[in-house]
Amino acid sequence: IIPAGDCDNPLATVVHRDLISEGWMDVSGDCVGIVMVHFYNLNVLRDALRSLVKGGFVYFESIDDRGNNHWELPRKSDVMDLMEGFDVKVFKERSSRKDNTKVVCTVFAIKN
């Protein structure tokens, strides 16, 4: 997470947080970048996207489809539906082998 006030600082502020029990931080419009890898919770991702400033970026990558991971994968279109108001530069999605309603997905987007 890179707070907008630190744009001149080349170092990112890394925040360690239990997103499941604590949820996303209340920093609406205060972040210039979010990298969320191998973690997915629809509400947390939605809140994270709201915290981005115009021109802020998000990189999201779901977990892979191994073992019983399909339970934790996004449903088809859930992530892309959240991209309204974003310029999506990269979007990759493939169906889970065990549950065709779930997907493995990667997205890189910039908030308009």
C-alpha atoms as a PDB file:
ATOM      1  CA  ILE A   1       0.000   0.000   0.000  1.00  0.00           C
ATOM      2  CA  ILE A   2       1.451   3.342  -1.012  1.00  0.00           C
ATOM      3  CA  PRO A   3      -0.229   6.311   0.708  1.00  0.00           C
ATOM      4  CA  ALA A   4      -0.822   9.214  -1.698  1.00  0.00           C
ATOM      5  CA  GLY A   5       0.989  11.661   0.571  1.00  0.00           C
ATOM      6  CA  ASP A   6       4.197   9.707   0.028  1.00  0.00           C
ATOM      7  CA  CYS A   7       4.250   9.933  -3.782  1.00  0.00           C
ATOM      8  CA  ASP A   8       7.640  11.705  -3.712  1.00  0.00           C
ATOM      9  CA  ASN A   9       9.061   8.949  -1.532  1.00  0.00           C
ATOM     10  CA  PRO A  10      10.436   6.095  -3.650  1.00  0.00           C
ATOM     11  CA  LEU A  11       9.787   3.617  -0.836  1.00  0.00           C
ATOM     12  CA  ALA A  12       6.393   2.029  -0.394  1.00  0.00           C
ATOM     13  CA  THR A  13       4.734   1.776   2.970  1.00  0.00           C
ATOM     14  CA  VAL A  14       4.007  -1.876   3.603  1.00  0.00           C
ATOM     15  CA  VAL A  15       1.074  -2.584   5.848  1.00  0.00           C
ATOM     16  CA  HIS A  16       0.729  -5.998   7.487  1.00  0.00           C
ATOM     17  CA  ARG A  17      -2.891  -6.569   8.378  1.00  0.00           C
ATOM     18  CA  ASP A  18      -5.255  -9.471   8.983  1.00  0.00           C
ATOM     19  CA  LEU A  19      -7.661  -8.656   6.168  1.00  0.00           C
ATOM     20  CA  ILE A  20     -10.102 -11.402   7.094  1.00  0.00           C
ATOM     21  CA  SER A  21     -10.760 -10.284  10.670  1.00  0.00           C
ATOM     22  CA  GLU A  22      -9.882  -6.574  10.366  1.00  0.00           C
ATOM     23  CA  GLY A  23     -10.980  -5.841   6.792  1.00  0.00           C
ATOM     24  CA  TRP A  24      -9.480  -3.111   4.648  1.00  0.00           C
ATOM     25  CA  MET A  25      -8.258   0.110   6.245  1.00  0.00           C
ATOM     26  CA  ASP A  26     -10.403   3.244   6.226  1.00  0.00           C
ATOM     27  CA  VAL A  27      -8.201   5.186   3.822  1.00  0.00           C
ATOM     28  CA  SER A  28     -10.670   6.142   1.102  1.00  0.00           C
ATOM     29  CA  GLY A  29      -8.817   7.866  -1.728  1.00  0.00           C
ATOM     30  CA  ASP A  30      -5.461   7.731   0.058  1.00  0.00           C
ATOM     31  CA  CYS A  31      -3.563   4.989  -1.804  1.00  0.00           C
ATOM     32  CA  VAL A  32      -1.656   5.213  -5.072  1.00  0.00           C
ATOM     33  CA  GLY A  33      -0.972   1.503  -5.408  1.00  0.00           C
ATOM     34  CA  ILE A  34      -2.264  -1.852  -4.222  1.00  0.00           C
ATOM     35  CA  VAL A  35      -0.707  -5.243  -4.821  1.00  0.00           C
ATOM     36  CA  MET A  36      -2.890  -8.141  -3.700  1.00  0.00           C
ATOM     37  CA  VAL A  37      -1.450 -11.558  -4.503  1.00  0.00           C
ATOM     38  CA  HIS A  38      -2.832 -14.978  -3.531  1.00  0.00           C
ATOM     39  CA  PHE A  39      -5.576 -13.522  -1.369  1.00  0.00           C
ATOM     40  CA  TYR A  40      -9.179 -12.969  -2.390  1.00  0.00           C
ATOM     41  CA  ASN A  41     -12.159 -11.650  -0.513  1.00  0.00           C
ATOM     42  CA  LEU A  42     -14.744  -9.768  -2.581  1.00  0.00           C
ATOM     43  CA  ASN A  43     -15.509  -7.178   0.121  1.00  0.00           C
ATOM     44  CA  VAL A  44     -11.854  -6.527   0.914  1.00  0.00           C
ATOM     45  CA  LEU A  45     -10.981  -6.120  -2.771  1.00  0.00           C
ATOM     46  CA  ARG A  46     -13.950  -3.758  -3.289  1.00  0.00           C
ATOM     47  CA  ASP A  47     -12.877  -1.624  -0.311  1.00  0.00           C
ATOM     48  CA  ALA A  48      -9.253  -1.649  -1.451  1.00  0.00           C
ATOM     49  CA  LEU A  49     -10.230  -0.356  -4.889  1.00  0.00           C
ATOM     50  CA  ARG A  50     -12.212   2.473  -3.290  1.00  0.00           C
ATOM     51  CA  SER A  51      -9.083   3.572  -1.423  1.00  0.00           C
ATOM     52  CA  LEU A  52      -7.201   4.327  -4.655  1.00  0.00           C
ATOM     53  CA  VAL A  53      -6.640   7.872  -5.899  1.00  0.00           C
ATOM     54  CA  LYS A  54      -7.286   8.719  -9.540  1.00  0.00           C
ATOM     55  CA  GLY A  55      -4.314   7.336 -11.446  1.00  0.00           C
ATOM     56  CA  GLY A  56      -3.626   4.770  -8.703  1.00  0.00           C
ATOM     57  CA  PHE A  57      -2.955   1.203  -9.751  1.00  0.00           C
ATOM     58  CA  VAL A  58      -4.032  -2.229  -8.638  1.00  0.00           C
ATOM     59  CA  TYR A  59      -2.370  -5.548  -9.322  1.00  0.00           C
ATOM     60  CA  PHE A  60      -4.491  -8.512  -8.261  1.00  0.00           C
ATOM     61  CA  GLU A  61      -3.608 -12.166  -8.663  1.00  0.00           C
ATOM     62  CA  SER A  62      -5.769 -14.946  -7.267  1.00  0.00           C
ATOM     63  CA  ILE A  63      -4.355 -18.163  -5.888  1.00  0.00           C
ATOM     64  CA  ASP A  64      -3.799 -20.989  -8.349  1.00  0.00           C
ATOM     65  CA  ASP A  65      -6.305 -23.791  -8.866  1.00  0.00           C
ATOM     66  CA  ARG A  66      -4.612 -26.573  -6.873  1.00  0.00           C
ATOM     67  CA  GLY A  67      -5.988 -29.068  -4.407  1.00  0.00           C
ATOM     68  CA  ASN A  68      -9.082 -27.581  -2.801  1.00  0.00           C
ATOM     69  CA  ASN A  69      -8.086 -23.973  -3.533  1.00  0.00           C
ATOM     70  CA  HIS A  70     -11.110 -23.640  -5.800  1.00  0.00           C
ATOM     71  CA  TRP A  71     -13.166 -22.780  -2.703  1.00  0.00           C
ATOM     72  CA  GLU A  72     -11.169 -19.542  -2.347  1.00  0.00           C
ATOM     73  CA  LEU A  73     -11.242 -18.471  -5.998  1.00  0.00           C
ATOM     74  CA  PRO A  74     -13.362 -15.591  -7.306  1.00  0.00           C
ATOM     75  CA  ARG A  75     -16.564 -16.349  -9.159  1.00  0.00           C
ATOM     76  CA  LYS A  76     -16.614 -15.617 -12.871  1.00  0.00           C
ATOM     77  CA  SER A  77     -16.928 -11.890 -13.555  1.00  0.00           C
ATOM     78  CA  ASP A  78     -16.657 -10.861  -9.860  1.00  0.00           C
ATOM     79  CA  VAL A  79     -13.262  -9.211 -10.307  1.00  0.00           C
ATOM     80  CA  MET A  80     -14.017  -7.692 -13.717  1.00  0.00           C
ATOM     81  CA  ASP A  81     -17.285  -6.259 -12.362  1.00  0.00           C
ATOM     82  CA  LEU A  82     -15.203  -4.321  -9.818  1.00  0.00           C
ATOM     83  CA  MET A  83     -13.125  -2.771 -12.597  1.00  0.00           C
ATOM     84  CA  GLU A  84     -15.778  -0.215 -13.570  1.00  0.00           C
ATOM     85  CA  GLY A  85     -14.022   3.157 -13.480  1.00  0.00           C
ATOM     86  CA  PHE A  86     -10.628   1.560 -14.167  1.00  0.00           C
ATOM     87  CA  ASP A  87      -8.491   1.383 -17.285  1.00  0.00           C
ATOM     88  CA  VAL A  88      -7.777  -2.351 -17.367  1.00  0.00           C
ATOM     89  CA  LYS A  89      -4.351  -2.966 -18.888  1.00  0.00           C
ATOM     90  CA  VAL A  90      -4.119  -6.717 -18.248  1.00  0.00           C
ATOM     91  CA  PHE A  91      -6.904  -9.153 -17.513  1.00  0.00           C
ATOM     92  CA  LYS A  92      -6.437 -12.914 -17.591  1.00  0.00           C
ATOM     93  CA  GLU A  93      -9.049 -15.373 -16.463  1.00  0.00           C
ATOM     94  CA  ARG A  94      -9.359 -19.137 -16.722  1.00  0.00           C
ATOM     95  CA  SER A  95     -11.947 -21.470 -15.277  1.00  0.00           C
ATOM     96  CA  SER A  96     -11.214 -23.693 -12.323  1.00  0.00           C
ATOM     97  CA  ARG A  97     -10.841 -27.361 -13.182  1.00  0.00           C
ATOM     98  CA  LYS A  98     -12.977 -28.381 -10.185  1.00  0.00           C
ATOM     99  CA  ASP A  99     -15.675 -25.700 -10.232  1.00  0.00           C
ATOM    100  CA  ASN A 100     -16.584 -24.007 -13.509  1.00  0.00           C
ATOM    101  CA  THR A 101     -18.233 -21.104 -11.645  1.00  0.00           C
ATOM    102  CA  LYS A 102     -14.834 -20.103 -10.194  1.00  0.00           C
ATOM    103  CA  VAL A 103     -11.805 -18.608 -11.961  1.00  0.00           C
ATOM    104  CA  VAL A 104      -8.099 -18.053 -11.584  1.00  0.00           C
ATOM    105  CA  CYS A 105      -7.491 -14.456 -12.495  1.00  0.00           C
ATOM    106  CA  THR A 106      -4.892 -11.736 -12.835  1.00  0.00           C
ATOM    107  CA  VAL A 107      -5.598  -8.033 -13.393  1.00  0.00           C
ATOM    108  CA  PHE A 108      -3.551  -4.854 -13.638  1.00  0.00           C
ATOM    109  CA  ALA A 109      -5.594  -1.655 -13.840  1.00  0.00           C
ATOM    110  CA  ILE A 110      -5.342   2.092 -13.298  1.00  0.00           C
ATOM    111  CA  LYS A 111      -8.162   4.068 -11.689  1.00  0.00           C
ATOM    112  CA  ASN A 112      -9.776   6.680 -13.945  1.00  0.00           C
END
